[in-house]
N, C-alpha and C. Protein backbone atom coordinates (compact mmCIF):
# COMPACT_ATOMS: atom_id res chain seq x y z
N MET A 1 52.77 337.25 221.76
CA MET A 1 52.96 337.85 223.07
C MET A 1 52.68 339.34 222.96
N ASP A 2 51.83 339.81 223.79
CA ASP A 2 51.44 341.22 223.86
C ASP A 2 52.63 342.05 224.36
N PRO A 3 52.98 343.15 223.66
CA PRO A 3 54.11 343.99 224.10
C PRO A 3 53.94 344.55 225.51
N VAL A 4 52.71 344.83 225.92
CA VAL A 4 52.46 345.32 227.27
C VAL A 4 52.85 344.26 228.30
N ILE A 5 52.47 343.02 228.01
CA ILE A 5 52.80 341.91 228.92
C ILE A 5 54.31 341.73 228.97
N PHE A 6 54.96 341.72 227.80
CA PHE A 6 56.42 341.54 227.75
C PHE A 6 57.10 342.63 228.59
N ALA A 7 56.69 343.87 228.42
CA ALA A 7 57.30 344.98 229.16
C ALA A 7 57.02 344.88 230.66
N ALA A 8 55.77 344.61 231.03
CA ALA A 8 55.41 344.55 232.45
C ALA A 8 56.15 343.42 233.17
N VAL A 9 56.21 342.26 232.53
CA VAL A 9 56.88 341.12 233.16
C VAL A 9 58.38 341.36 233.24
N THR A 10 58.97 341.87 232.17
CA THR A 10 60.41 342.12 232.18
C THR A 10 60.79 343.13 233.25
N LEU A 11 60.01 344.19 233.37
CA LEU A 11 60.28 345.19 234.41
C LEU A 11 60.14 344.59 235.80
N SER A 12 59.08 343.84 236.03
CA SER A 12 58.87 343.19 237.35
C SER A 12 60.02 342.24 237.67
N LEU A 13 60.44 341.48 236.67
CA LEU A 13 61.52 340.51 236.90
C LEU A 13 62.85 341.21 237.17
N ALA A 14 63.11 342.31 236.48
CA ALA A 14 64.36 343.06 236.72
C ALA A 14 64.38 343.61 238.14
N VAL A 15 63.27 344.17 238.58
CA VAL A 15 63.19 344.69 239.94
C VAL A 15 63.36 343.55 240.95
N ALA A 16 62.68 342.43 240.71
CA ALA A 16 62.78 341.28 241.63
C ALA A 16 64.20 340.75 241.71
N ALA A 17 64.87 340.66 240.56
CA ALA A 17 66.25 340.13 240.55
C ALA A 17 67.19 341.05 241.33
N VAL A 18 67.06 342.35 241.13
CA VAL A 18 67.93 343.30 241.83
C VAL A 18 67.68 343.23 243.34
N ILE A 19 66.40 343.23 243.73
CA ILE A 19 66.08 343.16 245.16
C ILE A 19 66.58 341.85 245.75
N ASP A 20 66.40 340.75 245.03
CA ASP A 20 66.84 339.44 245.52
C ASP A 20 68.36 339.39 245.68
N LEU A 21 69.09 339.93 244.72
CA LEU A 21 70.55 339.93 244.80
C LEU A 21 71.04 340.78 245.97
N ARG A 22 70.32 341.84 246.28
CA ARG A 22 70.73 342.74 247.37
C ARG A 22 70.32 342.23 248.74
N SER A 23 69.11 341.67 248.84
CA SER A 23 68.58 341.34 250.18
C SER A 23 68.25 339.86 250.37
N GLN A 24 68.40 339.06 249.33
CA GLN A 24 68.05 337.63 249.36
C GLN A 24 66.58 337.43 249.72
N ARG A 25 65.74 338.32 249.23
CA ARG A 25 64.29 338.24 249.42
C ARG A 25 63.61 338.80 248.18
N ILE A 26 62.43 338.28 247.91
CA ILE A 26 61.57 338.86 246.88
C ILE A 26 60.29 339.24 247.61
N PRO A 27 60.02 340.54 247.74
CA PRO A 27 58.92 340.98 248.61
C PRO A 27 57.53 340.71 248.01
N ASN A 28 56.60 340.46 248.91
CA ASN A 28 55.20 340.31 248.52
C ASN A 28 54.67 341.58 247.87
N LEU A 29 55.21 342.73 248.25
CA LEU A 29 54.77 344.00 247.66
C LEU A 29 55.08 344.09 246.17
N LEU A 30 55.89 343.18 245.67
CA LEU A 30 56.16 343.12 244.24
C LEU A 30 55.35 342.00 243.58
N THR A 31 55.37 340.82 244.18
CA THR A 31 54.77 339.66 243.51
C THR A 31 53.25 339.67 243.54
N LEU A 32 52.66 340.01 244.65
CA LEU A 32 51.19 339.95 244.75
C LEU A 32 50.51 340.99 243.86
N PRO A 33 50.94 342.26 243.87
CA PRO A 33 50.33 343.20 242.92
C PRO A 33 50.56 342.80 241.46
N ALA A 34 51.73 342.26 241.15
CA ALA A 34 51.99 341.83 239.77
C ALA A 34 50.98 340.76 239.34
N ALA A 35 50.71 339.81 240.22
CA ALA A 35 49.74 338.76 239.89
C ALA A 35 48.33 339.33 239.77
N CYS A 36 47.96 340.23 240.66
CA CYS A 36 46.61 340.82 240.63
C CYS A 36 46.40 341.68 239.40
N VAL A 37 47.42 342.47 239.04
CA VAL A 37 47.31 343.31 237.84
C VAL A 37 47.22 342.42 236.59
N ALA A 38 47.96 341.34 236.57
CA ALA A 38 47.89 340.41 235.44
C ALA A 38 46.49 339.83 235.29
N LEU A 39 45.94 339.39 236.40
CA LEU A 39 44.58 338.82 236.37
C LEU A 39 43.57 339.87 235.89
N ALA A 40 43.66 341.08 236.41
CA ALA A 40 42.75 342.16 235.99
C ALA A 40 42.94 342.51 234.51
N TYR A 41 44.19 342.54 234.07
CA TYR A 41 44.49 342.86 232.67
C TYR A 41 43.83 341.85 231.73
N HIS A 42 44.03 340.57 232.03
CA HIS A 42 43.46 339.53 231.17
C HIS A 42 41.94 339.51 231.26
N LEU A 43 41.40 339.74 232.44
CA LEU A 43 39.94 339.77 232.61
C LEU A 43 39.33 340.92 231.82
N LEU A 44 39.94 342.09 231.89
CA LEU A 44 39.40 343.25 231.18
C LEU A 44 39.50 343.10 229.66
N LEU A 45 40.59 342.51 229.19
CA LEU A 45 40.77 342.41 227.73
C LEU A 45 40.04 341.21 227.12
N GLN A 46 39.94 340.10 227.87
CA GLN A 46 39.40 338.88 227.27
C GLN A 46 38.24 338.27 228.05
N GLY A 47 37.83 338.93 229.10
CA GLY A 47 36.70 338.43 229.87
C GLY A 47 37.05 337.17 230.65
N PRO A 48 36.05 336.31 230.87
CA PRO A 48 36.27 335.09 231.65
C PRO A 48 37.36 334.18 231.09
N GLN A 49 37.48 334.14 229.76
CA GLN A 49 38.55 333.31 229.16
C GLN A 49 39.93 333.85 229.55
N GLY A 50 40.06 335.16 229.56
CA GLY A 50 41.32 335.78 229.96
C GLY A 50 41.64 335.52 231.42
N ALA A 51 40.59 335.58 232.26
CA ALA A 51 40.79 335.29 233.68
C ALA A 51 41.22 333.85 233.87
N TRP A 52 40.61 332.94 233.14
CA TRP A 52 40.97 331.52 233.24
C TRP A 52 42.42 331.30 232.78
N PHE A 53 42.80 331.95 231.67
CA PHE A 53 44.17 331.89 231.16
C PHE A 53 45.15 332.33 232.25
N SER A 54 44.84 333.46 232.88
CA SER A 54 45.70 334.02 233.91
C SER A 54 45.77 333.11 235.15
N LEU A 55 44.61 332.62 235.58
CA LEU A 55 44.57 331.76 236.77
C LEU A 55 45.27 330.43 236.55
N THR A 56 45.14 329.85 235.36
CA THR A 56 45.83 328.58 235.10
C THR A 56 47.33 328.79 235.04
N GLY A 57 47.77 329.91 234.47
CA GLY A 57 49.21 330.23 234.46
C GLY A 57 49.73 330.44 235.86
N LEU A 58 48.96 331.18 236.67
CA LEU A 58 49.35 331.41 238.06
C LEU A 58 49.43 330.08 238.82
N GLY A 59 48.41 329.26 238.67
CA GLY A 59 48.39 327.97 239.37
C GLY A 59 49.53 327.06 238.96
N LEU A 60 49.83 327.01 237.66
CA LEU A 60 50.92 326.16 237.20
C LEU A 60 52.26 326.70 237.69
N GLY A 61 52.46 328.01 237.61
CA GLY A 61 53.70 328.60 238.13
C GLY A 61 53.89 328.31 239.60
N LEU A 62 52.82 328.43 240.35
CA LEU A 62 52.85 328.12 241.78
C LEU A 62 53.14 326.64 242.01
N GLY A 63 52.44 325.79 241.29
CA GLY A 63 52.59 324.35 241.47
C GLY A 63 53.98 323.84 241.11
N LEU A 64 54.57 324.39 240.07
CA LEU A 64 55.90 323.94 239.66
C LEU A 64 56.97 324.26 240.70
N MET A 65 56.78 325.35 241.42
CA MET A 65 57.79 325.76 242.40
C MET A 65 57.45 325.31 243.82
N LEU A 66 56.28 324.73 244.01
CA LEU A 66 55.85 324.38 245.36
C LEU A 66 56.68 323.24 245.96
N ALA A 67 56.96 322.21 245.17
CA ALA A 67 57.75 321.09 245.70
C ALA A 67 59.15 321.54 246.16
N PRO A 68 59.89 322.30 245.33
CA PRO A 68 61.19 322.78 245.82
C PRO A 68 61.06 323.62 247.09
N TYR A 69 59.99 324.40 247.19
CA TYR A 69 59.78 325.21 248.39
C TYR A 69 59.55 324.30 249.60
N LEU A 70 58.72 323.29 249.43
CA LEU A 70 58.41 322.39 250.56
C LEU A 70 59.64 321.60 251.02
N PHE A 71 60.58 321.35 250.10
CA PHE A 71 61.82 320.66 250.47
C PHE A 71 62.89 321.62 250.96
N GLY A 72 62.56 322.91 251.06
CA GLY A 72 63.49 323.89 251.60
C GLY A 72 64.56 324.34 250.63
N VAL A 73 64.38 324.05 249.35
CA VAL A 73 65.38 324.41 248.34
C VAL A 73 65.11 325.81 247.79
N MET A 74 63.87 326.24 247.86
CA MET A 74 63.43 327.49 247.24
C MET A 74 62.74 328.34 248.30
N GLY A 75 62.85 329.64 248.16
CA GLY A 75 62.16 330.54 249.07
C GLY A 75 60.74 330.83 248.59
N GLY A 76 59.91 331.31 249.50
CA GLY A 76 58.52 331.61 249.16
C GLY A 76 58.39 332.72 248.13
N GLY A 77 59.29 333.70 248.16
CA GLY A 77 59.26 334.78 247.17
C GLY A 77 59.50 334.26 245.76
N ASP A 78 60.37 333.26 245.63
CA ASP A 78 60.64 332.66 244.33
C ASP A 78 59.38 331.98 243.79
N VAL A 79 58.67 331.29 244.66
CA VAL A 79 57.44 330.60 244.27
C VAL A 79 56.42 331.63 243.79
N LYS A 80 56.24 332.70 244.55
CA LYS A 80 55.25 333.72 244.20
C LYS A 80 55.66 334.49 242.95
N LEU A 81 56.96 334.64 242.73
CA LEU A 81 57.42 335.33 241.53
C LEU A 81 57.06 334.54 240.27
N LEU A 82 57.32 333.24 240.27
CA LEU A 82 56.96 332.45 239.08
C LEU A 82 55.44 332.36 238.94
N ALA A 83 54.71 332.35 240.03
CA ALA A 83 53.25 332.37 239.95
C ALA A 83 52.77 333.67 239.29
N ALA A 84 53.38 334.79 239.66
CA ALA A 84 53.01 336.07 239.06
C ALA A 84 53.35 336.09 237.57
N VAL A 85 54.50 335.54 237.22
CA VAL A 85 54.86 335.42 235.80
C VAL A 85 53.80 334.60 235.07
N GLY A 86 53.40 333.49 235.68
CA GLY A 86 52.39 332.64 235.08
C GLY A 86 51.07 333.35 234.89
N ALA A 87 50.71 334.22 235.83
CA ALA A 87 49.46 334.99 235.70
C ALA A 87 49.51 335.90 234.48
N TRP A 88 50.68 336.39 234.15
CA TRP A 88 50.83 337.24 232.96
C TRP A 88 50.89 336.43 231.68
N VAL A 89 51.70 335.37 231.65
CA VAL A 89 52.02 334.71 230.38
C VAL A 89 51.22 333.44 230.11
N GLY A 90 50.50 332.93 231.09
CA GLY A 90 49.68 331.74 230.89
C GLY A 90 50.45 330.44 231.08
N PRO A 91 49.72 329.33 231.01
CA PRO A 91 50.32 328.04 231.36
C PRO A 91 51.42 327.55 230.41
N GLN A 92 51.24 327.73 229.11
CA GLN A 92 52.26 327.21 228.19
C GLN A 92 53.59 327.92 228.36
N THR A 93 53.56 329.22 228.39
CA THR A 93 54.81 329.98 228.49
C THR A 93 55.43 329.84 229.87
N VAL A 94 54.62 329.72 230.93
CA VAL A 94 55.21 329.58 232.26
C VAL A 94 55.88 328.20 232.40
N LEU A 95 55.37 327.20 231.71
CA LEU A 95 56.04 325.89 231.74
C LEU A 95 57.42 325.99 231.08
N VAL A 96 57.48 326.64 229.93
CA VAL A 96 58.77 326.85 229.26
C VAL A 96 59.67 327.72 230.14
N ALA A 97 59.09 328.74 230.78
CA ALA A 97 59.87 329.61 231.67
C ALA A 97 60.46 328.80 232.82
N PHE A 98 59.67 327.88 233.37
CA PHE A 98 60.18 327.03 234.46
C PHE A 98 61.35 326.17 233.99
N LEU A 99 61.23 325.57 232.82
CA LEU A 99 62.31 324.73 232.30
C LEU A 99 63.57 325.55 232.04
N LEU A 100 63.40 326.71 231.43
CA LEU A 100 64.56 327.57 231.17
C LEU A 100 65.13 328.16 232.46
N THR A 101 64.26 328.41 233.43
CA THR A 101 64.71 328.87 234.74
C THR A 101 65.56 327.80 235.41
N SER A 102 65.15 326.55 235.28
CA SER A 102 65.92 325.45 235.86
C SER A 102 67.31 325.38 235.25
N LEU A 103 67.39 325.55 233.94
CA LEU A 103 68.70 325.56 233.27
C LEU A 103 69.53 326.76 233.71
N ALA A 104 68.90 327.92 233.76
CA ALA A 104 69.61 329.13 234.20
C ALA A 104 70.06 328.98 235.65
N GLY A 105 69.21 328.39 236.49
CA GLY A 105 69.56 328.18 237.90
C GLY A 105 70.73 327.23 238.06
N GLY A 106 70.77 326.19 237.24
CA GLY A 106 71.90 325.26 237.28
C GLY A 106 73.20 325.94 236.88
N GLY A 107 73.14 326.72 235.81
CA GLY A 107 74.33 327.47 235.38
C GLY A 107 74.77 328.48 236.43
N TYR A 108 73.81 329.15 237.01
CA TYR A 108 74.09 330.13 238.06
C TYR A 108 74.74 329.45 239.27
N ALA A 109 74.22 328.30 239.66
CA ALA A 109 74.79 327.56 240.79
C ALA A 109 76.23 327.14 240.50
N LEU A 110 76.49 326.70 239.27
CA LEU A 110 77.86 326.31 238.92
C LEU A 110 78.82 327.50 238.98
N VAL A 111 78.38 328.65 238.51
CA VAL A 111 79.22 329.85 238.57
C VAL A 111 79.51 330.23 240.02
N VAL A 112 78.47 330.19 240.86
CA VAL A 112 78.66 330.54 242.28
C VAL A 112 79.60 329.54 242.94
N LEU A 113 79.42 328.25 242.66
CA LEU A 113 80.30 327.24 243.25
C LEU A 113 81.73 327.37 242.74
N ALA A 114 81.89 327.69 241.46
CA ALA A 114 83.23 327.82 240.89
C ALA A 114 84.00 328.96 241.55
N ARG A 115 83.29 329.95 242.04
CA ARG A 115 83.94 331.08 242.70
C ARG A 115 84.37 330.74 244.13
N ARG A 116 83.91 329.59 244.63
CA ARG A 116 84.25 329.16 246.00
C ARG A 116 84.98 327.83 245.93
N SER A 117 86.28 327.86 245.85
CA SER A 117 87.06 326.63 245.71
C SER A 117 86.93 325.74 246.93
N ASP A 118 86.73 326.32 248.13
CA ASP A 118 86.58 325.51 249.33
C ASP A 118 85.32 324.64 249.26
N VAL A 119 84.26 325.17 248.68
CA VAL A 119 83.03 324.40 248.54
C VAL A 119 83.23 323.29 247.51
N LEU A 120 83.86 323.61 246.40
CA LEU A 120 84.11 322.59 245.38
C LEU A 120 84.96 321.46 245.93
N ARG A 121 86.01 321.81 246.68
CA ARG A 121 86.86 320.79 247.28
C ARG A 121 86.05 319.91 248.22
N GLY A 122 85.19 320.53 249.02
CA GLY A 122 84.37 319.79 249.98
C GLY A 122 83.36 318.88 249.31
N VAL A 123 82.93 319.23 248.11
CA VAL A 123 81.96 318.39 247.39
C VAL A 123 82.67 317.32 246.58
N PHE A 124 83.75 317.68 245.87
CA PHE A 124 84.38 316.73 244.97
C PHE A 124 85.35 315.77 245.64
N THR A 125 85.91 316.11 246.78
CA THR A 125 86.81 315.18 247.47
C THR A 125 86.09 313.90 247.86
N PRO A 126 84.92 313.94 248.49
CA PRO A 126 84.20 312.70 248.79
C PRO A 126 83.77 311.95 247.53
N LEU A 127 83.43 312.68 246.46
CA LEU A 127 83.05 312.01 245.22
C LEU A 127 84.23 311.25 244.62
N ARG A 128 85.41 311.87 244.65
CA ARG A 128 86.60 311.20 244.12
C ARG A 128 86.92 309.96 244.95
N ALA A 129 86.84 310.09 246.28
CA ALA A 129 87.09 308.93 247.15
C ALA A 129 86.07 307.83 246.88
N ALA A 130 84.82 308.20 246.64
CA ALA A 130 83.78 307.20 246.35
C ALA A 130 84.07 306.50 245.03
N LEU A 131 84.53 307.24 244.05
CA LEU A 131 84.86 306.64 242.75
C LEU A 131 86.00 305.64 242.89
N TYR A 132 87.06 306.01 243.62
CA TYR A 132 88.18 305.09 243.83
C TYR A 132 87.73 303.83 244.58
N ALA A 133 86.95 304.01 245.64
CA ALA A 133 86.48 302.88 246.43
C ALA A 133 85.57 301.97 245.61
N THR A 134 84.74 302.57 244.79
CA THR A 134 83.83 301.78 243.95
C THR A 134 84.61 300.98 242.93
N CYS A 135 85.61 301.58 242.32
CA CYS A 135 86.44 300.86 241.34
C CYS A 135 87.22 299.74 242.01
N ALA A 136 87.69 299.97 243.22
CA ALA A 136 88.51 298.96 243.91
C ALA A 136 87.67 297.80 244.41
N THR A 137 86.48 298.07 244.91
CA THR A 137 85.68 297.01 245.54
C THR A 137 84.50 296.55 244.70
N GLY A 138 84.10 297.35 243.73
CA GLY A 138 82.93 297.00 242.93
C GLY A 138 81.62 297.38 243.61
N GLN A 139 81.70 297.98 244.79
CA GLN A 139 80.50 298.43 245.50
C GLN A 139 80.60 299.94 245.71
N PHE A 140 79.45 300.59 245.64
CA PHE A 140 79.43 302.04 245.77
C PHE A 140 79.57 302.43 247.24
N HIS A 141 80.60 303.24 247.52
CA HIS A 141 80.85 303.74 248.88
C HIS A 141 80.95 305.26 248.79
N TYR A 142 80.01 305.94 249.37
CA TYR A 142 80.03 307.39 249.33
C TYR A 142 79.83 307.95 250.73
N GLN A 143 80.72 308.85 251.11
CA GLN A 143 80.58 309.58 252.36
C GLN A 143 80.28 311.03 252.00
N PRO A 144 79.14 311.53 252.40
CA PRO A 144 78.82 312.92 252.04
C PRO A 144 79.80 313.89 252.66
N ALA A 145 79.86 315.07 252.06
CA ALA A 145 80.74 316.13 252.57
C ALA A 145 80.34 316.48 253.99
N PRO A 146 81.32 316.81 254.83
CA PRO A 146 80.98 317.18 256.20
C PRO A 146 80.10 318.42 256.23
N ALA A 147 79.30 318.51 257.26
CA ALA A 147 78.35 319.62 257.40
C ALA A 147 79.06 320.96 257.54
N THR A 148 80.36 320.94 257.83
CA THR A 148 81.08 322.19 258.00
C THR A 148 81.27 322.92 256.68
N VAL A 149 81.11 322.20 255.56
CA VAL A 149 81.22 322.85 254.25
C VAL A 149 79.89 323.54 253.98
N GLY A 150 79.85 324.85 254.14
CA GLY A 150 78.61 325.59 253.95
C GLY A 150 78.41 325.93 252.48
N LEU A 151 77.27 325.59 251.96
CA LEU A 151 76.98 325.93 250.57
C LEU A 151 76.48 327.37 250.50
N PRO A 152 76.88 328.07 249.46
CA PRO A 152 76.44 329.47 249.33
C PRO A 152 74.94 329.53 249.04
N LYS A 153 74.34 330.62 249.45
CA LYS A 153 72.92 330.84 249.21
C LYS A 153 72.74 331.43 247.81
N LEU A 154 71.81 330.86 247.06
CA LEU A 154 71.54 331.35 245.72
C LEU A 154 70.34 332.30 245.74
N CYS A 155 70.44 333.35 244.96
CA CYS A 155 69.32 334.27 244.77
C CYS A 155 68.61 333.85 243.49
N TYR A 156 67.60 333.01 243.62
CA TYR A 156 66.98 332.36 242.47
C TYR A 156 66.13 333.32 241.65
N GLY A 157 65.86 334.51 242.18
CA GLY A 157 65.12 335.51 241.40
C GLY A 157 65.83 335.84 240.10
N LEU A 158 67.15 335.81 240.11
CA LEU A 158 67.92 336.05 238.90
C LEU A 158 67.67 334.96 237.87
N ALA A 159 67.67 333.70 238.30
CA ALA A 159 67.41 332.59 237.38
C ALA A 159 65.98 332.65 236.85
N ILE A 160 65.03 333.01 237.70
CA ILE A 160 63.64 333.13 237.26
C ILE A 160 63.53 334.24 236.21
N ALA A 161 64.22 335.34 236.44
CA ALA A 161 64.19 336.44 235.48
C ALA A 161 64.77 336.01 234.14
N LEU A 162 65.92 335.37 234.16
CA LEU A 162 66.56 334.94 232.92
C LEU A 162 65.70 333.91 232.18
N GLY A 163 65.20 332.91 232.90
CA GLY A 163 64.38 331.88 232.27
C GLY A 163 63.08 332.42 231.73
N SER A 164 62.45 333.32 232.47
CA SER A 164 61.16 333.86 232.05
C SER A 164 61.30 334.78 230.84
N VAL A 165 62.31 335.64 230.85
CA VAL A 165 62.52 336.52 229.70
C VAL A 165 62.89 335.69 228.47
N ALA A 166 63.68 334.65 228.65
CA ALA A 166 64.01 333.77 227.53
C ALA A 166 62.75 333.08 226.99
N ALA A 167 61.86 332.64 227.87
CA ALA A 167 60.63 331.99 227.43
C ALA A 167 59.72 332.98 226.69
N MET A 168 59.64 334.21 227.20
CA MET A 168 58.82 335.21 226.51
C MET A 168 59.42 335.57 225.15
N THR A 169 60.74 335.67 225.09
CA THR A 169 61.42 335.96 223.83
C THR A 169 61.16 334.84 222.83
N ARG A 170 61.21 333.62 223.30
CA ARG A 170 60.89 332.46 222.44
C ARG A 170 59.47 332.57 221.92
N SER A 171 58.54 332.95 222.78
CA SER A 171 57.15 333.11 222.37
C SER A 171 57.01 334.21 221.33
N VAL A 172 57.72 335.32 221.52
CA VAL A 172 57.68 336.42 220.56
C VAL A 172 58.22 335.96 219.21
N LEU A 173 59.34 335.28 219.22
CA LEU A 173 59.96 334.84 217.97
C LEU A 173 59.08 333.82 217.24
N MET A 174 58.42 332.97 218.00
CA MET A 174 57.54 331.97 217.38
C MET A 174 56.25 332.59 216.84
N SER A 175 55.79 333.69 217.44
CA SER A 175 54.53 334.29 217.02
C SER A 175 54.71 335.30 215.88
N GLY A 176 55.93 335.72 215.65
CA GLY A 176 56.17 336.70 214.61
C GLY A 176 55.81 338.10 215.01
N TRP A 177 55.72 338.37 216.31
CA TRP A 177 55.34 339.68 216.83
C TRP A 177 56.26 340.78 216.32
N LEU A 178 57.55 340.51 216.20
CA LEU A 178 58.50 341.52 215.76
C LEU A 178 58.32 341.87 214.29
N VAL A 179 57.74 340.97 213.51
CA VAL A 179 57.59 341.17 212.09
C VAL A 179 56.38 342.01 211.76
N ARG A 180 55.37 341.98 212.60
CA ARG A 180 54.11 342.69 212.32
C ARG A 180 54.28 344.16 212.20
């Protein structure tokens, strides 16, 4: 992993996470220039192969987040942020970043839910009732939580930042960059 890439991506992700936590948005003014600079960087240093590396990373980052976006689980800024990360780090590292982001996002969601006991009660009360009914009758009976239980909004830019930096760190450790 190139130190310039590591620094540029980490800085972009830190800015995105802070903005997302404050405003629940990741602006295009951050993600689009980051992706364009990544593409230009790879093109200038490695020519057409570098451009292909950058474009495949961008496309994979975009594709991995597109389904959650289409189902309304993810915001458009989150999709563009992982695409920009992919443009910098390429397809292999962005795939690892996505997997680690998913783990970080799950942990983040659990922390946010744990801080809201009313939400946990609203989610686990129907699950407990379903478990009792299933044990008593042998058939699964589940009533979802009432719509009045509002789930908190997650700022997924933080999870993307954590997962992406972890993936880049993994890449650095595997390449021996720190030892050189």
